[in-house]
Amino acid sequence: MLAESDADMALLRFKVARERELGLGTQLLDGAAVRDLGPYLAGHIQGAAYLAQEGHANPRILTDAFATEAVRHGAQIRTGTRLVGLSMTQDGGYRVLLQDAGRISEVTSRRLLLATGAWTARIAQMLGLHVPLYPVPLTMNVTDRTAPFLPFLIQHVGKRLSMKQSEDGNLLIGGGWPSRLARNDTGAIDLDRPALPDEAQIRANLAVAAGVLPALRDRQLIRSWTGTTCISTDQLPIVGMIDAAPGLYVAAGGSMFTLGPLLARLLAQQIVAGDDGPEAMAMFLPRRFNHLNAFTLLP
C-alpha cells in the first residue's frame, strides 16, 4: 500500500501500527526500500506498507472452485433461476417460489440465508423487512498482456487504487471507481441490467495507476467492465439472523469476496447452533438495525 505525500505517510504509519498491534506482520518501508522491492514503481513514492503474507485471488477461478466443493458436499446449484416469491409460513418456516424456464417450483425451509449482494434489500422487502443495503456500481479495467513483473497487489493509502497482474500477464486496475446504475423507463434503478461505465472515471482511475506505475503508459486498455456490490448504512457487513424473522439470515454489505470465506464459516456456526456466534461477529449482526423492523408483522 503506497504513500506519495507526507499526509499519506502519516496515515500509513497509523495503519501499520494498528495492524501490528493486532498481530499482523505488516512492515513500514521507506522510499528506497519500496524501490528495492518494486523497481518498476515511480521514484517519488515516499513509502509503503508491506505484508509478505498478503495475496489476491481470481474470482472467476475461485467462485467455480467453491461451487464445485459445495456440490460435492451435497449442495444444489440452480443457474438461470429467478426468485419470484418469498413468504413466511404459519409455522415459522419459509416458502420460496423459483421460476426456471417458465416453470414454478416451491422450496420450503426452516432456515433461509439471503447472500444476494445488491439484491438483498429488495428480496427482504418481499417479507416486509428492511435491510439497509444500497447498491454500489463499480468499474474494473484490464490492459493488454505483458511479461510478468508485478507479483504484488498494489494499493494506495490516500487514493482509490487496486492493481495486480494476472497469470496471463494482463494488468487489472480498479480500486472503487464508480459506474452508473442502469435505470428503467420510469427512471427507477434497474439492478437486473449491468451498470454503465463512465469514461471520466476510467480515465481518472488509470491516471492514478500510471502515476505510481510509469510502465502502465506503454500498455493498452483492452476492456472495462462494471459490477454492482452493496454497502450498508454504517459500511460494515450485515451478517447474521434478522431478529424480526427467526430463521432468516443475511450476509451482505461489502468486502464479501475478501471476507466471505471467513464470515461464511462463522455464519455457518451461527445457523447450526442457533446463536449469535463468536463475540467477534457482534459488530456485524443485523440486530443493530432492529429499529427498522419494529413494526413488521410476520407471517
C-alpha atoms as a PDB file:
ATOM      1  CA  MET A   1       0.000   0.000   0.000  1.00  0.00           C
ATOM      2  CA  LEU A   2       1.773   3.076  -1.330  1.00  0.00           C
ATOM      3  CA  ALA A   3       2.214   6.598   0.033  1.00  0.00           C
ATOM      4  CA  GLU A   4       3.091   9.610  -2.132  1.00  0.00           C
ATOM      5  CA  SER A   5       2.934  12.508   0.359  1.00  0.00           C
ATOM      6  CA  ASP A   6       3.663  13.413   3.980  1.00  0.00           C
ATOM      7  CA  ALA A   7      -0.050  13.101   4.758  1.00  0.00           C
ATOM      8  CA  ASP A   8      -0.089   9.659   3.142  1.00  0.00           C
ATOM      9  CA  MET A   9       2.868   8.581   5.251  1.00  0.00           C
ATOM     10  CA  ALA A  10       1.215   9.763   8.473  1.00  0.00           C
ATOM     11  CA  LEU A  11      -1.879   7.712   7.686  1.00  0.00           C
ATOM     12  CA  LEU A  12       0.248   4.741   6.702  1.00  0.00           C
ATOM     13  CA  ARG A  13       2.185   4.856   9.991  1.00  0.00           C
ATOM     14  CA  PHE A  14      -1.089   4.822  11.904  1.00  0.00           C
ATOM     15  CA  LYS A  15      -2.412   1.917   9.853  1.00  0.00           C
ATOM     16  CA  VAL A  16       0.751  -0.167  10.185  1.00  0.00           C
ATOM     17  CA  ALA A  17       0.923   0.427  13.946  1.00  0.00           C
ATOM     18  CA  ARG A  18      -2.685  -0.663  14.348  1.00  0.00           C
ATOM     19  CA  GLU A  19      -2.171  -3.802  12.265  1.00  0.00           C
ATOM     20  CA  ARG A  20       0.934  -4.780  14.217  1.00  0.00           C
ATOM     21  CA  GLU A  21      -0.994  -4.328  17.488  1.00  0.00           C
ATOM     22  CA  LEU A  22      -3.480  -6.876  16.145  1.00  0.00           C
ATOM     23  CA  GLY A  23      -0.754  -9.382  15.304  1.00  0.00           C
ATOM     24  CA  LEU A  24      -0.193  -8.810  11.593  1.00  0.00           C
ATOM     25  CA  GLY A  25       3.354  -8.760  10.298  1.00  0.00           C
ATOM     26  CA  THR A  26       2.966  -5.527   8.318  1.00  0.00           C
ATOM     27  CA  GLN A  27       6.175  -3.601   7.672  1.00  0.00           C
ATOM     28  CA  LEU A  28       6.569   0.121   7.029  1.00  0.00           C
ATOM     29  CA  LEU A  29       9.010   0.706   4.160  1.00  0.00           C
ATOM     30  CA  ASP A  30      10.737   3.939   3.176  1.00  0.00           C
ATOM     31  CA  GLY A  31      11.061   5.046  -0.439  1.00  0.00           C
ATOM     32  CA  ALA A  32      14.360   3.297  -1.027  1.00  0.00           C
ATOM     33  CA  ALA A  33      13.074   0.007   0.352  1.00  0.00           C
ATOM     34  CA  VAL A  34       9.967   0.319  -1.819  1.00  0.00           C
ATOM     35  CA  ARG A  35      12.075   0.690  -4.949  1.00  0.00           C
ATOM     36  CA  ASP A  36      14.294  -2.231  -3.920  1.00  0.00           C
ATOM     37  CA  LEU A  37      11.183  -4.383  -3.657  1.00  0.00           C
ATOM     38  CA  GLY A  38       9.481  -2.944  -6.742  1.00  0.00           C
ATOM     39  CA  PRO A  39      11.922  -1.097  -9.056  1.00  0.00           C
ATOM     40  CA  TYR A  40       9.090  -0.526 -11.535  1.00  0.00           C
ATOM     41  CA  LEU A  41       7.342   1.865  -9.115  1.00  0.00           C
ATOM     42  CA  ALA A  42       7.646   5.647  -9.503  1.00  0.00           C
ATOM     43  CA  GLY A  43      10.689   7.315  -7.978  1.00  0.00           C
ATOM     44  CA  HIS A  44       8.664   9.811  -5.922  1.00  0.00           C
ATOM     45  CA  ILE A  45       6.950   7.123  -3.804  1.00  0.00           C
ATOM     46  CA  GLN A  46       7.738   8.045  -0.182  1.00  0.00           C
ATOM     47  CA  GLY A  47       6.955   4.712   1.397  1.00  0.00           C
ATOM     48  CA  ALA A  48       4.645   1.736   1.617  1.00  0.00           C
ATOM     49  CA  ALA A  49       3.067  -0.776   3.941  1.00  0.00           C
ATOM     50  CA  TYR A  50       4.182  -4.283   3.015  1.00  0.00           C
ATOM     51  CA  LEU A  51       2.698  -7.555   4.211  1.00  0.00           C
ATOM     52  CA  ALA A  52       4.539 -10.587   2.879  1.00  0.00           C
ATOM     53  CA  GLN A  53       1.526 -12.839   3.587  1.00  0.00           C
ATOM     54  CA  GLU A  54      -0.827 -10.647   1.537  1.00  0.00           C
ATOM     55  CA  GLY A  55      -2.286 -12.199  -1.565  1.00  0.00           C
ATOM     56  CA  HIS A  56      -5.005 -11.982  -4.169  1.00  0.00           C
ATOM     57  CA  ALA A  57      -7.273 -14.441  -5.937  1.00  0.00           C
ATOM     58  CA  ASN A  58      -9.053 -14.646  -9.266  1.00  0.00           C
ATOM     59  CA  PRO A  59     -12.849 -14.577  -8.648  1.00  0.00           C
ATOM     60  CA  ARG A  60     -13.585 -16.400 -11.906  1.00  0.00           C
ATOM     61  CA  ILE A  61     -11.487 -19.360 -10.735  1.00  0.00           C
ATOM     62  CA  LEU A  62     -12.237 -19.271  -7.024  1.00  0.00           C
ATOM     63  CA  THR A  63     -16.020 -18.978  -7.420  1.00  0.00           C
ATOM     64  CA  ASP A  64     -16.085 -22.116  -9.570  1.00  0.00           C
ATOM     65  CA  ALA A  65     -13.900 -23.906  -7.018  1.00  0.00           C
ATOM     66  CA  PHE A  66     -16.291 -23.018  -4.186  1.00  0.00           C
ATOM     67  CA  ALA A  67     -19.255 -24.146  -6.290  1.00  0.00           C
ATOM     68  CA  THR A  68     -17.602 -27.468  -7.138  1.00  0.00           C
ATOM     69  CA  GLU A  69     -16.857 -28.187  -3.489  1.00  0.00           C
ATOM     70  CA  ALA A  70     -20.368 -27.141  -2.422  1.00  0.00           C
ATOM     71  CA  VAL A  71     -21.912 -29.615  -4.875  1.00  0.00           C
ATOM     72  CA  ARG A  72     -19.523 -32.315  -3.677  1.00  0.00           C
ATOM     73  CA  HIS A  73     -20.876 -31.746  -0.167  1.00  0.00           C
ATOM     74  CA  GLY A  74     -24.495 -32.045  -1.279  1.00  0.00           C
ATOM     75  CA  ALA A  75     -25.479 -28.527  -2.346  1.00  0.00           C
ATOM     76  CA  GLN A  76     -27.782 -27.980  -5.319  1.00  0.00           C
ATOM     77  CA  ILE A  77     -26.915 -25.043  -7.576  1.00  0.00           C
ATOM     78  CA  ARG A  78     -29.594 -23.788  -9.952  1.00  0.00           C
ATOM     79  CA  THR A  79     -28.482 -21.323 -12.607  1.00  0.00           C
ATOM     80  CA  GLY A  80     -30.878 -19.401 -14.816  1.00  0.00           C
ATOM     81  CA  THR A  81     -33.417 -19.488 -11.979  1.00  0.00           C
ATOM     82  CA  ARG A  82     -35.325 -16.444 -10.725  1.00  0.00           C
ATOM     83  CA  LEU A  83     -36.756 -15.897  -7.250  1.00  0.00           C
ATOM     84  CA  VAL A  84     -40.384 -14.839  -7.784  1.00  0.00           C
ATOM     85  CA  GLY A  85     -41.882 -15.298  -4.338  1.00  0.00           C
ATOM     86  CA  LEU A  86     -40.833 -15.366  -0.688  1.00  0.00           C
ATOM     87  CA  SER A  87     -43.107 -15.666   2.344  1.00  0.00           C
ATOM     88  CA  MET A  88     -43.164 -16.958   5.903  1.00  0.00           C
ATOM     89  CA  THR A  89     -45.426 -19.906   6.624  1.00  0.00           C
ATOM     90  CA  GLN A  90     -47.764 -20.052   9.616  1.00  0.00           C
ATOM     91  CA  ASP A  91     -45.427 -22.451  11.435  1.00  0.00           C
ATOM     92  CA  GLY A  92     -42.486 -20.060  11.084  1.00  0.00           C
ATOM     93  CA  GLY A  93     -40.778 -21.626   8.087  1.00  0.00           C
ATOM     94  CA  TYR A  94     -40.086 -20.020   4.723  1.00  0.00           C
ATOM     95  CA  ARG A  95     -41.703 -20.675   1.355  1.00  0.00           C
ATOM     96  CA  VAL A  96     -39.643 -19.825  -1.718  1.00  0.00           C
ATOM     97  CA  LEU A  97     -41.006 -19.760  -5.260  1.00  0.00           C
ATOM     98  CA  LEU A  98     -38.482 -20.243  -8.063  1.00  0.00           C
ATOM     99  CA  GLN A  99     -39.014 -19.790 -11.790  1.00  0.00           C
ATOM    100  CA  ASP A 100     -36.956 -21.801 -14.239  1.00  0.00           C
ATOM    101  CA  ALA A 101     -37.744 -21.950 -17.979  1.00  0.00           C
ATOM    102  CA  GLY A 102     -41.275 -20.735 -17.293  1.00  0.00           C
ATOM    103  CA  ARG A 103     -41.989 -23.364 -14.635  1.00  0.00           C
ATOM    104  CA  ILE A 104     -42.575 -22.517 -10.977  1.00  0.00           C
ATOM    105  CA  SER A 105     -41.201 -24.743  -8.224  1.00  0.00           C
ATOM    106  CA  GLU A 106     -41.549 -24.411  -4.470  1.00  0.00           C
ATOM    107  CA  VAL A 107     -38.930 -24.874  -1.759  1.00  0.00           C
ATOM    108  CA  THR A 108     -39.664 -24.714   1.963  1.00  0.00           C
ATOM    109  CA  SER A 109     -37.166 -24.495   4.800  1.00  0.00           C
ATOM    110  CA  ARG A 110     -36.975 -23.616   8.484  1.00  0.00           C
ATOM    111  CA  ARG A 111     -33.844 -21.593   7.809  1.00  0.00           C
ATOM    112  CA  LEU A 112     -33.010 -19.344   4.907  1.00  0.00           C
ATOM    113  CA  LEU A 113     -29.910 -17.339   4.022  1.00  0.00           C
ATOM    114  CA  LEU A 114     -30.006 -14.236   1.827  1.00  0.00           C
ATOM    115  CA  ALA A 115     -26.497 -13.888   0.398  1.00  0.00           C
ATOM    116  CA  THR A 116     -27.674 -11.989  -2.646  1.00  0.00           C
ATOM    117  CA  GLY A 117     -25.465  -8.895  -2.767  1.00  0.00           C
ATOM    118  CA  ALA A 118     -27.091  -5.771  -4.164  1.00  0.00           C
ATOM    119  CA  TRP A 119     -30.439  -7.603  -4.455  1.00  0.00           C
ATOM    120  CA  THR A 120     -30.604  -8.448  -0.729  1.00  0.00           C
ATOM    121  CA  ALA A 121     -32.643  -5.416   0.336  1.00  0.00           C
ATOM    122  CA  ARG A 122     -35.143  -5.953  -2.483  1.00  0.00           C
ATOM    123  CA  ILE A 123     -35.610  -9.634  -1.586  1.00  0.00           C
ATOM    124  CA  ALA A 124     -36.018  -8.843   2.123  1.00  0.00           C
ATOM    125  CA  GLN A 125     -38.810  -6.437   1.165  1.00  0.00           C
ATOM    126  CA  MET A 126     -40.796  -9.423  -0.125  1.00  0.00           C
ATOM    127  CA  LEU A 127     -41.246 -10.254   3.567  1.00  0.00           C
ATOM    128  CA  GLY A 128     -41.846  -6.637   4.559  1.00  0.00           C
ATOM    129  CA  LEU A 129     -38.392  -6.420   6.139  1.00  0.00           C
ATOM    130  CA  HIS A 130     -35.957  -3.526   5.875  1.00  0.00           C
ATOM    131  CA  VAL A 131     -32.245  -4.258   5.467  1.00  0.00           C
ATOM    132  CA  PRO A 132     -30.258  -1.024   4.965  1.00  0.00           C
ATOM    133  CA  LEU A 133     -28.140  -2.074   1.994  1.00  0.00           C
ATOM    134  CA  TYR A 134     -27.560   0.156  -1.011  1.00  0.00           C
ATOM    135  CA  PRO A 135     -26.245  -0.726  -4.486  1.00  0.00           C
ATOM    136  CA  VAL A 136     -22.758   0.464  -5.416  1.00  0.00           C
ATOM    137  CA  PRO A 137     -21.799   0.150  -9.099  1.00  0.00           C
ATOM    138  CA  LEU A 138     -18.047  -0.163  -9.684  1.00  0.00           C
ATOM    139  CA  THR A 139     -15.672  -0.342 -12.651  1.00  0.00           C
ATOM    140  CA  MET A 140     -12.685  -2.547 -13.442  1.00  0.00           C
ATOM    141  CA  ASN A 141     -10.145  -2.155 -16.243  1.00  0.00           C
ATOM    142  CA  VAL A 142      -7.733  -4.558 -17.887  1.00  0.00           C
ATOM    143  CA  THR A 143      -4.729  -3.904 -20.131  1.00  0.00           C
ATOM    144  CA  ASP A 144      -3.111  -5.982 -22.824  1.00  0.00           C
ATOM    145  CA  ARG A 145      -0.654  -8.689 -21.808  1.00  0.00           C
ATOM    146  CA  THR A 146       2.943  -8.103 -20.905  1.00  0.00           C
ATOM    147  CA  ALA A 147       5.721 -10.180 -19.404  1.00  0.00           C
ATOM    148  CA  PRO A 148       5.193 -10.940 -15.688  1.00  0.00           C
ATOM    149  CA  PHE A 149       6.782  -8.278 -13.488  1.00  0.00           C
ATOM    150  CA  LEU A 150       4.229  -7.401 -10.767  1.00  0.00           C
ATOM    151  CA  PRO A 151       3.933 -10.137  -8.108  1.00  0.00           C
ATOM    152  CA  PHE A 152       2.178  -7.909  -5.563  1.00  0.00           C
ATOM    153  CA  LEU A 153      -1.269  -6.477  -5.040  1.00  0.00           C
ATOM    154  CA  ILE A 154      -0.738  -2.704  -5.228  1.00  0.00           C
ATOM    155  CA  GLN A 155      -2.987  -0.282  -3.333  1.00  0.00           C
ATOM    156  CA  HIS A 156      -2.739   3.366  -2.282  1.00  0.00           C
ATOM    157  CA  VAL A 157      -3.331   4.710   1.208  1.00  0.00           C
ATOM    158  CA  GLY A 158      -4.727   8.067   0.036  1.00  0.00           C
ATOM    159  CA  LYS A 159      -6.209   7.390  -3.405  1.00  0.00           C
ATOM    160  CA  ARG A 160      -8.525   4.833  -4.948  1.00  0.00           C
ATOM    161  CA  LEU A 161      -6.313   2.149  -6.424  1.00  0.00           C
ATOM    162  CA  SER A 162      -6.144  -1.610  -6.729  1.00  0.00           C
ATOM    163  CA  MET A 163      -3.702  -3.096  -9.223  1.00  0.00           C
ATOM    164  CA  LYS A 164      -2.394  -6.588  -9.875  1.00  0.00           C
ATOM    165  CA  GLN A 165      -1.131  -8.714 -12.738  1.00  0.00           C
ATOM    166  CA  SER A 166      -2.963 -11.847 -13.840  1.00  0.00           C
ATOM    167  CA  GLU A 167      -1.327 -15.165 -14.623  1.00  0.00           C
ATOM    168  CA  ASP A 168      -1.721 -14.347 -18.328  1.00  0.00           C
ATOM    169  CA  GLY A 169       0.141 -11.025 -17.992  1.00  0.00           C
ATOM    170  CA  ASN A 170      -2.784  -8.585 -18.085  1.00  0.00           C
ATOM    171  CA  LEU A 171      -2.851  -5.750 -15.549  1.00  0.00           C
ATOM    172  CA  LEU A 172      -6.150  -5.494 -13.636  1.00  0.00           C
ATOM    173  CA  ILE A 173      -6.853  -1.985 -12.381  1.00  0.00           C
ATOM    174  CA  GLY A 174      -9.635  -0.747 -10.118  1.00  0.00           C
ATOM    175  CA  GLY A 175      -9.971   0.492  -6.583  1.00  0.00           C
ATOM    176  CA  GLY A 176     -13.550   1.592  -6.042  1.00  0.00           C
ATOM    177  CA  TRP A 177     -14.195   3.838  -9.042  1.00  0.00           C
ATOM    178  CA  PRO A 178     -17.927   4.188  -9.739  1.00  0.00           C
ATOM    179  CA  SER A 179     -20.011   3.433 -12.793  1.00  0.00           C
ATOM    180  CA  ARG A 180     -23.640   4.464 -13.383  1.00  0.00           C
ATOM    181  CA  LEU A 181     -26.590   2.338 -12.314  1.00  0.00           C
ATOM    182  CA  ALA A 182     -28.942   1.478 -15.161  1.00  0.00           C
ATOM    183  CA  ARG A 183     -32.494   2.797 -14.952  1.00  0.00           C
ATOM    184  CA  ASN A 184     -35.805   1.613 -16.338  1.00  0.00           C
ATOM    185  CA  ASP A 185     -38.408   3.601 -18.262  1.00  0.00           C
ATOM    186  CA  THR A 186     -39.739   5.193 -15.068  1.00  0.00           C
ATOM    187  CA  GLY A 187     -36.274   6.383 -14.019  1.00  0.00           C
ATOM    188  CA  ALA A 188     -36.002   3.874 -11.171  1.00  0.00           C
ATOM    189  CA  ILE A 189     -32.772   1.939 -10.609  1.00  0.00           C
ATOM    190  CA  ASP A 190     -32.749  -1.354 -12.519  1.00  0.00           C
ATOM    191  CA  LEU A 191     -30.485  -3.874 -10.780  1.00  0.00           C
ATOM    192  CA  ASP A 192     -31.249  -6.512 -13.406  1.00  0.00           C
ATOM    193  CA  ARG A 193     -29.260  -4.601 -16.038  1.00  0.00           C
ATOM    194  CA  PRO A 194     -25.489  -4.058 -15.923  1.00  0.00           C
ATOM    195  CA  ALA A 195     -24.242  -0.719 -14.660  1.00  0.00           C
ATOM    196  CA  LEU A 196     -22.884   1.642 -17.325  1.00  0.00           C
ATOM    197  CA  PRO A 197     -19.153   2.541 -17.447  1.00  0.00           C
ATOM    198  CA  ASP A 198     -18.210   6.211 -17.218  1.00  0.00           C
ATOM    199  CA  GLU A 199     -15.269   7.354 -19.345  1.00  0.00           C
ATOM    200  CA  ALA A 200     -14.210  10.114 -16.944  1.00  0.00           C
ATOM    201  CA  GLN A 201     -13.998   7.654 -14.055  1.00  0.00           C
ATOM    202  CA  ILE A 202     -11.998   5.197 -16.152  1.00  0.00           C
ATOM    203  CA  ARG A 203      -9.517   7.908 -17.158  1.00  0.00           C
ATOM    204  CA  ALA A 204      -9.141   9.069 -13.554  1.00  0.00           C
ATOM    205  CA  ASN A 205      -8.537   5.523 -12.345  1.00  0.00           C
ATOM    206  CA  LEU A 206      -5.859   4.915 -14.963  1.00  0.00           C
ATOM    207  CA  ALA A 207      -4.202   8.265 -14.177  1.00  0.00           C
ATOM    208  CA  VAL A 208      -3.789   7.275 -10.521  1.00  0.00           C
ATOM    209  CA  ALA A 209      -2.378   3.901 -11.562  1.00  0.00           C
ATOM    210  CA  ALA A 210       0.052   5.377 -14.108  1.00  0.00           C
ATOM    211  CA  GLY A 211       1.184   7.906 -11.515  1.00  0.00           C
ATOM    212  CA  VAL A 212       2.698   5.140  -9.380  1.00  0.00           C
ATOM    213  CA  LEU A 213       3.479   2.657 -12.177  1.00  0.00           C
ATOM    214  CA  PRO A 214       5.008   4.611 -15.104  1.00  0.00           C
ATOM    215  CA  ALA A 215       5.268   1.499 -17.313  1.00  0.00           C
ATOM    216  CA  LEU A 216       1.485   1.457 -17.480  1.00  0.00           C
ATOM    217  CA  ARG A 217       1.672   4.277 -20.038  1.00  0.00           C
ATOM    218  CA  ASP A 218       3.127   1.780 -22.524  1.00  0.00           C
ATOM    219  CA  ARG A 219       0.181  -0.595 -22.154  1.00  0.00           C
ATOM    220  CA  GLN A 220      -3.151  -0.573 -23.996  1.00  0.00           C
ATOM    221  CA  LEU A 221      -6.522  -0.629 -22.294  1.00  0.00           C
ATOM    222  CA  ILE A 222      -8.432  -3.506 -23.880  1.00  0.00           C
ATOM    223  CA  ARG A 223     -11.547  -3.757 -21.745  1.00  0.00           C
ATOM    224  CA  SER A 224     -13.522  -2.104 -18.958  1.00  0.00           C
ATOM    225  CA  TRP A 225     -16.471  -3.696 -17.203  1.00  0.00           C
ATOM    226  CA  THR A 226     -18.841  -2.982 -14.352  1.00  0.00           C
ATOM    227  CA  GLY A 227     -20.232  -4.875 -11.411  1.00  0.00           C
ATOM    228  CA  THR A 228     -22.624  -3.918  -8.638  1.00  0.00           C
ATOM    229  CA  THR A 229     -21.903  -4.582  -4.987  1.00  0.00           C
ATOM    230  CA  CYS A 230     -23.607  -3.026  -1.984  1.00  0.00           C
ATOM    231  CA  ILE A 231     -22.773  -1.224   1.251  1.00  0.00           C
ATOM    232  CA  SER A 232     -24.709  -0.881   4.476  1.00  0.00           C
ATOM    233  CA  THR A 233     -25.642   2.322   6.258  1.00  0.00           C
ATOM    234  CA  ASP A 234     -22.591   2.096   8.537  1.00  0.00           C
ATOM    235  CA  GLN A 235     -20.400   0.470   5.833  1.00  0.00           C
ATOM    236  CA  LEU A 236     -19.901  -2.715   7.859  1.00  0.00           C
ATOM    237  CA  PRO A 237     -21.128  -6.066   6.542  1.00  0.00           C
ATOM    238  CA  ILE A 238     -24.513  -7.255   7.788  1.00  0.00           C
ATOM    239  CA  VAL A 239     -24.141 -10.911   8.773  1.00  0.00           C
ATOM    240  CA  GLY A 240     -26.433 -12.983  10.967  1.00  0.00           C
ATOM    241  CA  MET A 241     -30.089 -13.595  11.784  1.00  0.00           C
ATOM    242  CA  ILE A 242     -32.744 -10.895  11.485  1.00  0.00           C
ATOM    243  CA  ASP A 243     -34.451 -10.929  14.881  1.00  0.00           C
ATOM    244  CA  ALA A 244     -37.844  -9.965  13.434  1.00  0.00           C
ATOM    245  CA  ALA A 245     -37.765 -13.101  11.264  1.00  0.00           C
ATOM    246  CA  PRO A 246     -36.361 -16.070  13.238  1.00  0.00           C
ATOM    247  CA  GLY A 247     -34.518 -18.459  10.961  1.00  0.00           C
ATOM    248  CA  LEU A 248     -33.839 -15.812   8.306  1.00  0.00           C
ATOM    249  CA  TYR A 249     -30.150 -14.981   7.915  1.00  0.00           C
ATOM    250  CA  VAL A 250     -28.405 -12.385   5.791  1.00  0.00           C
ATOM    251  CA  ALA A 251     -24.812 -11.981   4.602  1.00  0.00           C
ATOM    252  CA  ALA A 252     -24.084  -8.889   2.510  1.00  0.00           C
ATOM    253  CA  GLY A 253     -22.637  -5.419   2.685  1.00  0.00           C
ATOM    254  CA  GLY A 254     -19.264  -5.088   1.015  1.00  0.00           C
ATOM    255  CA  SER A 255     -15.842  -6.790   1.118  1.00  0.00           C
ATOM    256  CA  MET A 256     -17.583 -10.118   0.638  1.00  0.00           C
ATOM    257  CA  PHE A 257     -15.008 -11.540  -1.726  1.00  0.00           C
ATOM    258  CA  THR A 258     -12.293 -10.691   0.796  1.00  0.00           C
ATOM    259  CA  LEU A 259     -14.176 -11.525   3.994  1.00  0.00           C
ATOM    260  CA  GLY A 260     -16.656 -14.013   2.536  1.00  0.00           C
ATOM    261  CA  PRO A 261     -14.900 -17.309   3.369  1.00  0.00           C
ATOM    262  CA  LEU A 262     -14.260 -16.266   6.981  1.00  0.00           C
ATOM    263  CA  LEU A 263     -17.732 -14.800   7.527  1.00  0.00           C
ATOM    264  CA  ALA A 264     -19.342 -17.839   5.892  1.00  0.00           C
ATOM    265  CA  ARG A 265     -17.565 -20.161   8.310  1.00  0.00           C
ATOM    266  CA  LEU A 266     -18.661 -18.090  11.322  1.00  0.00           C
ATOM    267  CA  LEU A 267     -22.206 -17.708   9.969  1.00  0.00           C
ATOM    268  CA  ALA A 268     -22.487 -21.465   9.458  1.00  0.00           C
ATOM    269  CA  GLN A 269     -21.704 -21.895  13.146  1.00  0.00           C
ATOM    270  CA  GLN A 270     -24.493 -19.436  13.997  1.00  0.00           C
ATOM    271  CA  ILE A 271     -27.030 -21.242  11.824  1.00  0.00           C
ATOM    272  CA  VAL A 272     -26.190 -24.695  13.187  1.00  0.00           C
ATOM    273  CA  ALA A 273     -26.004 -23.606  16.833  1.00  0.00           C
ATOM    274  CA  GLY A 274     -28.912 -21.148  16.644  1.00  0.00           C
ATOM    275  CA  ASP A 275     -26.996 -18.432  18.489  1.00  0.00           C
ATOM    276  CA  ASP A 276     -25.146 -15.192  17.731  1.00  0.00           C
ATOM    277  CA  GLY A 277     -21.844 -16.902  17.132  1.00  0.00           C
ATOM    278  CA  PRO A 278     -18.482 -15.707  18.446  1.00  0.00           C
ATOM    279  CA  GLU A 279     -18.145 -12.282  20.066  1.00  0.00           C
ATOM    280  CA  ALA A 280     -16.133 -11.092  17.066  1.00  0.00           C
ATOM    281  CA  MET A 281     -19.330 -11.270  14.992  1.00  0.00           C
ATOM    282  CA  ALA A 282     -21.270  -8.880  17.240  1.00  0.00           C
ATOM    283  CA  MET A 283     -20.413  -5.787  15.201  1.00  0.00           C
ATOM    284  CA  PHE A 284     -21.830  -7.397  12.039  1.00  0.00           C
ATOM    285  CA  LEU A 285     -25.160  -8.661  13.413  1.00  0.00           C
ATOM    286  CA  PRO A 286     -28.355  -7.285  11.817  1.00  0.00           C
ATOM    287  CA  ARG A 287     -29.521  -6.557  15.376  1.00  0.00           C
ATOM    288  CA  ARG A 288     -28.017  -3.077  15.200  1.00  0.00           C
ATOM    289  CA  PHE A 289     -30.809  -2.220  12.735  1.00  0.00           C
ATOM    290  CA  ASN A 290     -33.674  -3.850  14.669  1.00  0.00           C
ATOM    291  CA  HIS A 291     -35.465  -0.492  14.930  1.00  0.00           C
ATOM    292  CA  LEU A 292     -36.091  -0.576  11.191  1.00  0.00           C
ATOM    293  CA  ASN A 293     -38.308  -3.650  11.584  1.00  0.00           C
ATOM    294  CA  ALA A 294     -40.012  -2.712  14.852  1.00  0.00           C
ATOM    295  CA  PHE A 295     -43.396  -2.553  13.101  1.00  0.00           C
ATOM    296  CA  THR A 296     -43.027  -5.630  10.896  1.00  0.00           C
ATOM    297  CA  LEU A 297     -45.520  -8.458  11.469  1.00  0.00           C
ATOM    298  CA  LEU A 298     -44.674 -11.982  10.291  1.00  0.00           C
ATOM    299  CA  PRO A 299     -46.044 -14.211   8.961  1.00  0.00           C
END
